């Protein structure tokens, strides 16, 4: 997913922030979709099933028509109970029934069945991303932001495995300023 494209498509939505600084995998961007990961309020940026479908469409995990079918299914079923994922294997077993192998021009990849309209289908791209990350060598590069007050996750794609911040412009800068002030105070004493 191109972070800047998804960011532009979701501009104005609270969850757009997750695309400004992508984590490197869809499942990590989803983990980073809570305001509490950077701020003290703990507000979830994806607060409803409709928000989840909108977010997944912006992330290009769904086509516009797949998202429309899932929105219709969500509207027809009423309120969606918010449950934590307690067992990723059980979720994967449920979600895999909505997955289809498709040719991308470069190789095969799992994608959502174009005719899927069941509510559980919304989890397929997230679960597939999580399982793919957990079973790949990229897992060794999984990092948490080095800012002690930030809990964003990302895959360190740097050549020398040295990335420390979710984003240098925010968390990296905050920590460097903090360190500079501490050194200046120590030198003054």
C-alpha atoms as a PDB file:
ATOM      1  CA  UNK A   1       0.000   0.000   0.000  1.00  0.00           C
ATOM      2  CA  UNK A   2       1.312   3.441  -0.827  1.00  0.00           C
ATOM      3  CA  UNK A   3       1.087   5.392   2.428  1.00  0.00           C
ATOM      4  CA  UNK A   4       0.817   8.803   0.790  1.00  0.00           C
ATOM      5  CA  UNK A   5      -2.001   7.648  -1.522  1.00  0.00           C
ATOM      6  CA  UNK A   6      -3.965   6.173   1.383  1.00  0.00           C
ATOM      7  CA  UNK A   7      -3.259   9.311   3.439  1.00  0.00           C
ATOM      8  CA  UNK A   8      -4.657  11.515   0.666  1.00  0.00           C
ATOM      9  CA  UNK A   9      -7.762   9.317   0.277  1.00  0.00           C
ATOM     10  CA  UNK A  10      -8.512   9.365   4.007  1.00  0.00           C
ATOM     11  CA  UNK A  11      -7.669  13.013   4.668  1.00  0.00           C
ATOM     12  CA  UNK A  12     -10.042  14.549   7.189  1.00  0.00           C
ATOM     13  CA  UNK A  13     -10.726  11.218   8.912  1.00  0.00           C
ATOM     14  CA  UNK A  14      -9.185  10.608  12.353  1.00  0.00           C
ATOM     15  CA  UNK A  15      -7.448   7.425  11.135  1.00  0.00           C
ATOM     16  CA  UNK A  16      -5.629   9.225   8.277  1.00  0.00           C
ATOM     17  CA  UNK A  17      -2.682   9.567  10.669  1.00  0.00           C
ATOM     18  CA  UNK A  18      -1.994   5.819  10.346  1.00  0.00           C
ATOM     19  CA  UNK A  19      -1.184   6.302   6.656  1.00  0.00           C
ATOM     20  CA  UNK A  20       1.045   9.349   7.161  1.00  0.00           C
ATOM     21  CA  UNK A  21       3.619   7.129   8.812  1.00  0.00           C
ATOM     22  CA  UNK A  22       2.970   3.553   7.614  1.00  0.00           C
ATOM     23  CA  UNK A  23       4.213   0.612   9.669  1.00  0.00           C
ATOM     24  CA  UNK A  24       5.155  -1.547   6.689  1.00  0.00           C
ATOM     25  CA  UNK A  25       2.312  -4.077   6.916  1.00  0.00           C
ATOM     26  CA  UNK A  26      -1.453  -3.650   6.903  1.00  0.00           C
ATOM     27  CA  UNK A  27      -1.798  -5.361  10.287  1.00  0.00           C
ATOM     28  CA  UNK A  28       0.718  -2.938  11.864  1.00  0.00           C
ATOM     29  CA  UNK A  29      -1.084   0.069  10.406  1.00  0.00           C
ATOM     30  CA  UNK A  30      -4.260  -1.324  11.970  1.00  0.00           C
ATOM     31  CA  UNK A  31      -2.499  -1.709  15.351  1.00  0.00           C
ATOM     32  CA  UNK A  32      -1.370   1.911  15.018  1.00  0.00           C
ATOM     33  CA  UNK A  33      -4.917   3.131  14.398  1.00  0.00           C
ATOM     34  CA  UNK A  34      -5.629   4.131  17.997  1.00  0.00           C
ATOM     35  CA  UNK A  35      -5.024   7.655  19.171  1.00  0.00           C
ATOM     36  CA  UNK A  36      -3.815   6.239  22.487  1.00  0.00           C
ATOM     37  CA  UNK A  37      -0.701   4.979  20.745  1.00  0.00           C
ATOM     38  CA  UNK A  38       0.641   8.541  20.604  1.00  0.00           C
ATOM     39  CA  UNK A  39      -1.586  10.548  22.908  1.00  0.00           C
ATOM     40  CA  UNK A  40      -2.989  10.100  26.381  1.00  0.00           C
ATOM     41  CA  UNK A  41      -6.706  10.062  25.524  1.00  0.00           C
ATOM     42  CA  UNK A  42      -6.771   6.462  24.256  1.00  0.00           C
ATOM     43  CA  UNK A  43      -9.501   7.197  21.700  1.00  0.00           C
ATOM     44  CA  UNK A  44      -9.813   4.552  18.994  1.00  0.00           C
ATOM     45  CA  UNK A  45      -9.659   6.114  15.531  1.00  0.00           C
ATOM     46  CA  UNK A  46     -11.550   3.194  13.959  1.00  0.00           C
ATOM     47  CA  UNK A  47     -14.654   3.253  16.119  1.00  0.00           C
ATOM     48  CA  UNK A  48     -17.210   1.398  14.001  1.00  0.00           C
ATOM     49  CA  UNK A  49     -17.592  -1.269  11.351  1.00  0.00           C
ATOM     50  CA  UNK A  50     -18.131   1.492   8.775  1.00  0.00           C
ATOM     51  CA  UNK A  51     -14.842   3.120   9.836  1.00  0.00           C
ATOM     52  CA  UNK A  52     -13.088  -0.258   9.478  1.00  0.00           C
ATOM     53  CA  UNK A  53     -14.423  -0.756   5.945  1.00  0.00           C
ATOM     54  CA  UNK A  54     -13.524   2.859   5.006  1.00  0.00           C
ATOM     55  CA  UNK A  55     -10.017   2.395   6.443  1.00  0.00           C
ATOM     56  CA  UNK A  56      -9.497  -0.901   4.595  1.00  0.00           C
ATOM     57  CA  UNK A  57     -10.716   0.668   1.350  1.00  0.00           C
ATOM     58  CA  UNK A  58      -8.305   3.620   1.798  1.00  0.00           C
ATOM     59  CA  UNK A  59      -5.523   1.080   2.441  1.00  0.00           C
ATOM     60  CA  UNK A  60      -6.450  -0.603  -0.860  1.00  0.00           C
ATOM     61  CA  UNK A  61      -7.257  -3.883   0.905  1.00  0.00           C
ATOM     62  CA  UNK A  62     -10.746  -3.734  -0.641  1.00  0.00           C
ATOM     63  CA  UNK A  63     -12.004  -2.527  -3.976  1.00  0.00           C
ATOM     64  CA  UNK A  64     -14.731   0.100  -3.969  1.00  0.00           C
ATOM     65  CA  UNK A  65     -17.377  -2.531  -4.870  1.00  0.00           C
ATOM     66  CA  UNK A  66     -16.212  -4.942  -2.134  1.00  0.00           C
ATOM     67  CA  UNK A  67     -16.359  -2.121   0.398  1.00  0.00           C
ATOM     68  CA  UNK A  68     -19.867  -1.169  -0.770  1.00  0.00           C
ATOM     69  CA  UNK A  69     -21.105  -4.769  -0.334  1.00  0.00           C
ATOM     70  CA  UNK A  70     -19.621  -4.931   3.173  1.00  0.00           C
ATOM     71  CA  UNK A  71     -21.152  -1.561   4.098  1.00  0.00           C
ATOM     72  CA  UNK A  72     -24.555  -2.856   2.955  1.00  0.00           C
ATOM     73  CA  UNK A  73     -24.113  -6.059   4.975  1.00  0.00           C
ATOM     74  CA  UNK A  74     -23.071  -4.015   8.015  1.00  0.00           C
ATOM     75  CA  UNK A  75     -26.069  -1.698   7.710  1.00  0.00           C
ATOM     76  CA  UNK A  76     -28.439  -4.659   7.374  1.00  0.00           C
ATOM     77  CA  UNK A  77     -27.117  -6.371  10.495  1.00  0.00           C
ATOM     78  CA  UNK A  78     -27.404  -3.426  12.901  1.00  0.00           C
ATOM     79  CA  UNK A  79     -24.827  -2.671  15.568  1.00  0.00           C
ATOM     80  CA  UNK A  80     -21.562  -4.605  15.490  1.00  0.00           C
ATOM     81  CA  UNK A  81     -20.180  -5.731  18.834  1.00  0.00           C
ATOM     82  CA  UNK A  82     -16.531  -4.722  19.315  1.00  0.00           C
ATOM     83  CA  UNK A  83     -14.514  -7.758  20.355  1.00  0.00           C
ATOM     84  CA  UNK A  84     -10.792  -8.169  20.788  1.00  0.00           C
ATOM     85  CA  UNK A  85      -8.993 -10.709  18.679  1.00  0.00           C
ATOM     86  CA  UNK A  86      -8.322 -13.423  21.232  1.00  0.00           C
ATOM     87  CA  UNK A  87      -7.104 -16.167  18.964  1.00  0.00           C
ATOM     88  CA  UNK A  88      -5.498 -15.302  15.644  1.00  0.00           C
ATOM     89  CA  UNK A  89      -5.752 -18.888  14.431  1.00  0.00           C
ATOM     90  CA  UNK A  90      -9.522 -18.915  14.894  1.00  0.00           C
ATOM     91  CA  UNK A  91      -9.785 -15.597  13.057  1.00  0.00           C
ATOM     92  CA  UNK A  92      -7.590 -16.886  10.261  1.00  0.00           C
ATOM     93  CA  UNK A  93      -9.705 -20.037   9.939  1.00  0.00           C
ATOM     94  CA  UNK A  94     -12.825 -17.899   9.589  1.00  0.00           C
ATOM     95  CA  UNK A  95     -11.295 -15.317   7.282  1.00  0.00           C
ATOM     96  CA  UNK A  96      -9.560 -17.754   4.959  1.00  0.00           C
ATOM     97  CA  UNK A  97     -12.909 -18.885   3.582  1.00  0.00           C
ATOM     98  CA  UNK A  98     -13.213 -15.412   2.000  1.00  0.00           C
ATOM     99  CA  UNK A  99      -9.747 -15.497   0.457  1.00  0.00           C
ATOM    100  CA  UNK A 100      -8.940 -16.346  -3.129  1.00  0.00           C
ATOM    101  CA  UNK A 101      -5.602 -16.708  -4.862  1.00  0.00           C
ATOM    102  CA  UNK A 102      -5.260 -14.148  -7.624  1.00  0.00           C
ATOM    103  CA  UNK A 103      -2.556 -13.346 -10.161  1.00  0.00           C
ATOM    104  CA  UNK A 104      -1.064  -9.869  -9.742  1.00  0.00           C
ATOM    105  CA  UNK A 105       1.233  -9.826 -12.761  1.00  0.00           C
ATOM    106  CA  UNK A 106       4.243 -10.450 -10.529  1.00  0.00           C
ATOM    107  CA  UNK A 107       2.954 -13.560  -8.812  1.00  0.00           C
ATOM    108  CA  UNK A 108       0.040 -14.888  -6.829  1.00  0.00           C
ATOM    109  CA  UNK A 109      -1.365 -13.289  -3.686  1.00  0.00           C
ATOM    110  CA  UNK A 110      -4.295 -13.805  -1.394  1.00  0.00           C
ATOM    111  CA  UNK A 111      -7.116 -11.356  -1.886  1.00  0.00           C
ATOM    112  CA  UNK A 112     -10.704 -10.993  -0.804  1.00  0.00           C
ATOM    113  CA  UNK A 113     -13.253 -12.969  -2.811  1.00  0.00           C
ATOM    114  CA  UNK A 114     -14.945 -10.298  -4.981  1.00  0.00           C
ATOM    115  CA  UNK A 115     -18.398 -11.674  -4.127  1.00  0.00           C
ATOM    116  CA  UNK A 116     -17.847 -11.726  -0.340  1.00  0.00           C
ATOM    117  CA  UNK A 117     -20.509  -9.798   1.548  1.00  0.00           C
ATOM    118  CA  UNK A 118     -20.422 -11.465   4.981  1.00  0.00           C
ATOM    119  CA  UNK A 119     -19.329  -9.232   7.859  1.00  0.00           C
ATOM    120  CA  UNK A 120     -16.483 -11.596   8.732  1.00  0.00           C
ATOM    121  CA  UNK A 121     -14.983 -10.894   5.298  1.00  0.00           C
ATOM    122  CA  UNK A 122     -13.868  -7.482   6.585  1.00  0.00           C
ATOM    123  CA  UNK A 123     -11.228  -9.184   8.721  1.00  0.00           C
ATOM    124  CA  UNK A 124      -9.673 -11.211   5.876  1.00  0.00           C
ATOM    125  CA  UNK A 125      -7.096  -8.612   4.727  1.00  0.00           C
ATOM    126  CA  UNK A 126      -6.039  -7.822   8.315  1.00  0.00           C
ATOM    127  CA  UNK A 127      -5.746 -11.442   9.388  1.00  0.00           C
ATOM    128  CA  UNK A 128      -3.924 -12.361   6.183  1.00  0.00           C
ATOM    129  CA  UNK A 129      -1.471  -9.503   6.768  1.00  0.00           C
ATOM    130  CA  UNK A 130      -0.894 -10.584  10.389  1.00  0.00           C
ATOM    131  CA  UNK A 131      -0.350 -14.244   9.487  1.00  0.00           C
ATOM    132  CA  UNK A 132       1.933 -13.253   6.614  1.00  0.00           C
ATOM    133  CA  UNK A 133       4.028 -11.056   8.929  1.00  0.00           C
ATOM    134  CA  UNK A 134       4.162 -13.685  11.681  1.00  0.00           C
ATOM    135  CA  UNK A 135       5.411 -16.323   9.233  1.00  0.00           C
ATOM    136  CA  UNK A 136       7.976 -14.179   7.401  1.00  0.00           C
ATOM    137  CA  UNK A 137      11.535 -13.051   7.981  1.00  0.00           C
ATOM    138  CA  UNK A 138      10.193  -9.479   8.305  1.00  0.00           C
ATOM    139  CA  UNK A 139       9.096 -10.350  11.848  1.00  0.00           C
ATOM    140  CA  UNK A 140      12.734  -9.961  12.935  1.00  0.00           C
ATOM    141  CA  UNK A 141      12.535  -6.317  11.823  1.00  0.00           C
ATOM    142  CA  UNK A 142       9.380  -5.538  13.791  1.00  0.00           C
ATOM    143  CA  UNK A 143      10.036  -2.573  16.070  1.00  0.00           C
ATOM    144  CA  UNK A 144       8.186  -0.367  18.495  1.00  0.00           C
ATOM    145  CA  UNK A 145       8.862   3.351  18.343  1.00  0.00           C
ATOM    146  CA  UNK A 146      11.793   4.409  20.533  1.00  0.00           C
ATOM    147  CA  UNK A 147       9.767   7.230  22.093  1.00  0.00           C
ATOM    148  CA  UNK A 148       8.669   5.902  25.494  1.00  0.00           C
ATOM    149  CA  UNK A 149       5.256   7.549  25.149  1.00  0.00           C
ATOM    150  CA  UNK A 150       4.530   6.142  21.661  1.00  0.00           C
ATOM    151  CA  UNK A 151       3.409   2.593  20.992  1.00  0.00           C
ATOM    152  CA  UNK A 152       3.376   2.616  17.182  1.00  0.00           C
ATOM    153  CA  UNK A 153       4.753  -0.470  15.478  1.00  0.00           C
ATOM    154  CA  UNK A 154       6.695  -0.593  12.220  1.00  0.00           C
ATOM    155  CA  UNK A 155       8.942  -2.818  10.135  1.00  0.00           C
ATOM    156  CA  UNK A 156      12.493  -1.485   9.993  1.00  0.00           C
ATOM    157  CA  UNK A 157      13.251  -1.449   6.261  1.00  0.00           C
ATOM    158  CA  UNK A 158      16.555   0.419   6.600  1.00  0.00           C
ATOM    159  CA  UNK A 159      19.652  -1.258   5.188  1.00  0.00           C
ATOM    160  CA  UNK A 160      21.497  -1.294   8.523  1.00  0.00           C
ATOM    161  CA  UNK A 161      18.423  -2.037  10.712  1.00  0.00           C
ATOM    162  CA  UNK A 162      18.805   1.229  12.585  1.00  0.00           C
ATOM    163  CA  UNK A 163      15.349   2.852  12.401  1.00  0.00           C
ATOM    164  CA  UNK A 164      14.253   3.841  15.897  1.00  0.00           C
ATOM    165  CA  UNK A 165      11.198   6.061  15.464  1.00  0.00           C
ATOM    166  CA  UNK A 166       7.769   5.634  13.941  1.00  0.00           C
ATOM    167  CA  UNK A 167       8.474   8.974  12.304  1.00  0.00           C
ATOM    168  CA  UNK A 168      11.500  11.194  12.664  1.00  0.00           C
ATOM    169  CA  UNK A 169       9.466  14.403  12.284  1.00  0.00           C
ATOM    170  CA  UNK A 170       7.397  13.697  15.385  1.00  0.00           C
ATOM    171  CA  UNK A 171       8.756  11.130  17.828  1.00  0.00           C
ATOM    172  CA  UNK A 172      12.386  11.263  16.721  1.00  0.00           C
ATOM    173  CA  UNK A 173      12.463  15.012  17.057  1.00  0.00           C
ATOM    174  CA  UNK A 174      10.757  14.925  20.481  1.00  0.00           C
ATOM    175  CA  UNK A 175      13.301  12.454  21.883  1.00  0.00           C
ATOM    176  CA  UNK A 176      16.285  14.302  20.403  1.00  0.00           C
ATOM    177  CA  UNK A 177      15.069  17.624  21.856  1.00  0.00           C
ATOM    178  CA  UNK A 178      14.528  15.922  25.230  1.00  0.00           C
ATOM    179  CA  UNK A 179      18.068  14.490  25.159  1.00  0.00           C
ATOM    180  CA  UNK A 180      19.553  17.854  24.139  1.00  0.00           C
ATOM    181  CA  UNK A 181      17.811  19.619  27.036  1.00  0.00           C
ATOM    182  CA  UNK A 182      18.990  16.957  29.502  1.00  0.00           C
ATOM    183  CA  UNK A 183      22.600  17.370  28.306  1.00  0.00           C
ATOM    184  CA  UNK A 184      22.308  21.152  28.525  1.00  0.00           C
ATOM    185  CA  UNK A 185      20.947  20.906  32.084  1.00  0.00           C
ATOM    186  CA  UNK A 186      23.714  18.493  33.094  1.00  0.00           C
ATOM    187  CA  UNK A 187      26.367  20.799  31.637  1.00  0.00           C
ATOM    188  CA  UNK A 188      24.889  23.759  33.512  1.00  0.00           C
ATOM    189  CA  UNK A 189      25.206  21.990  36.884  1.00  0.00           C
END
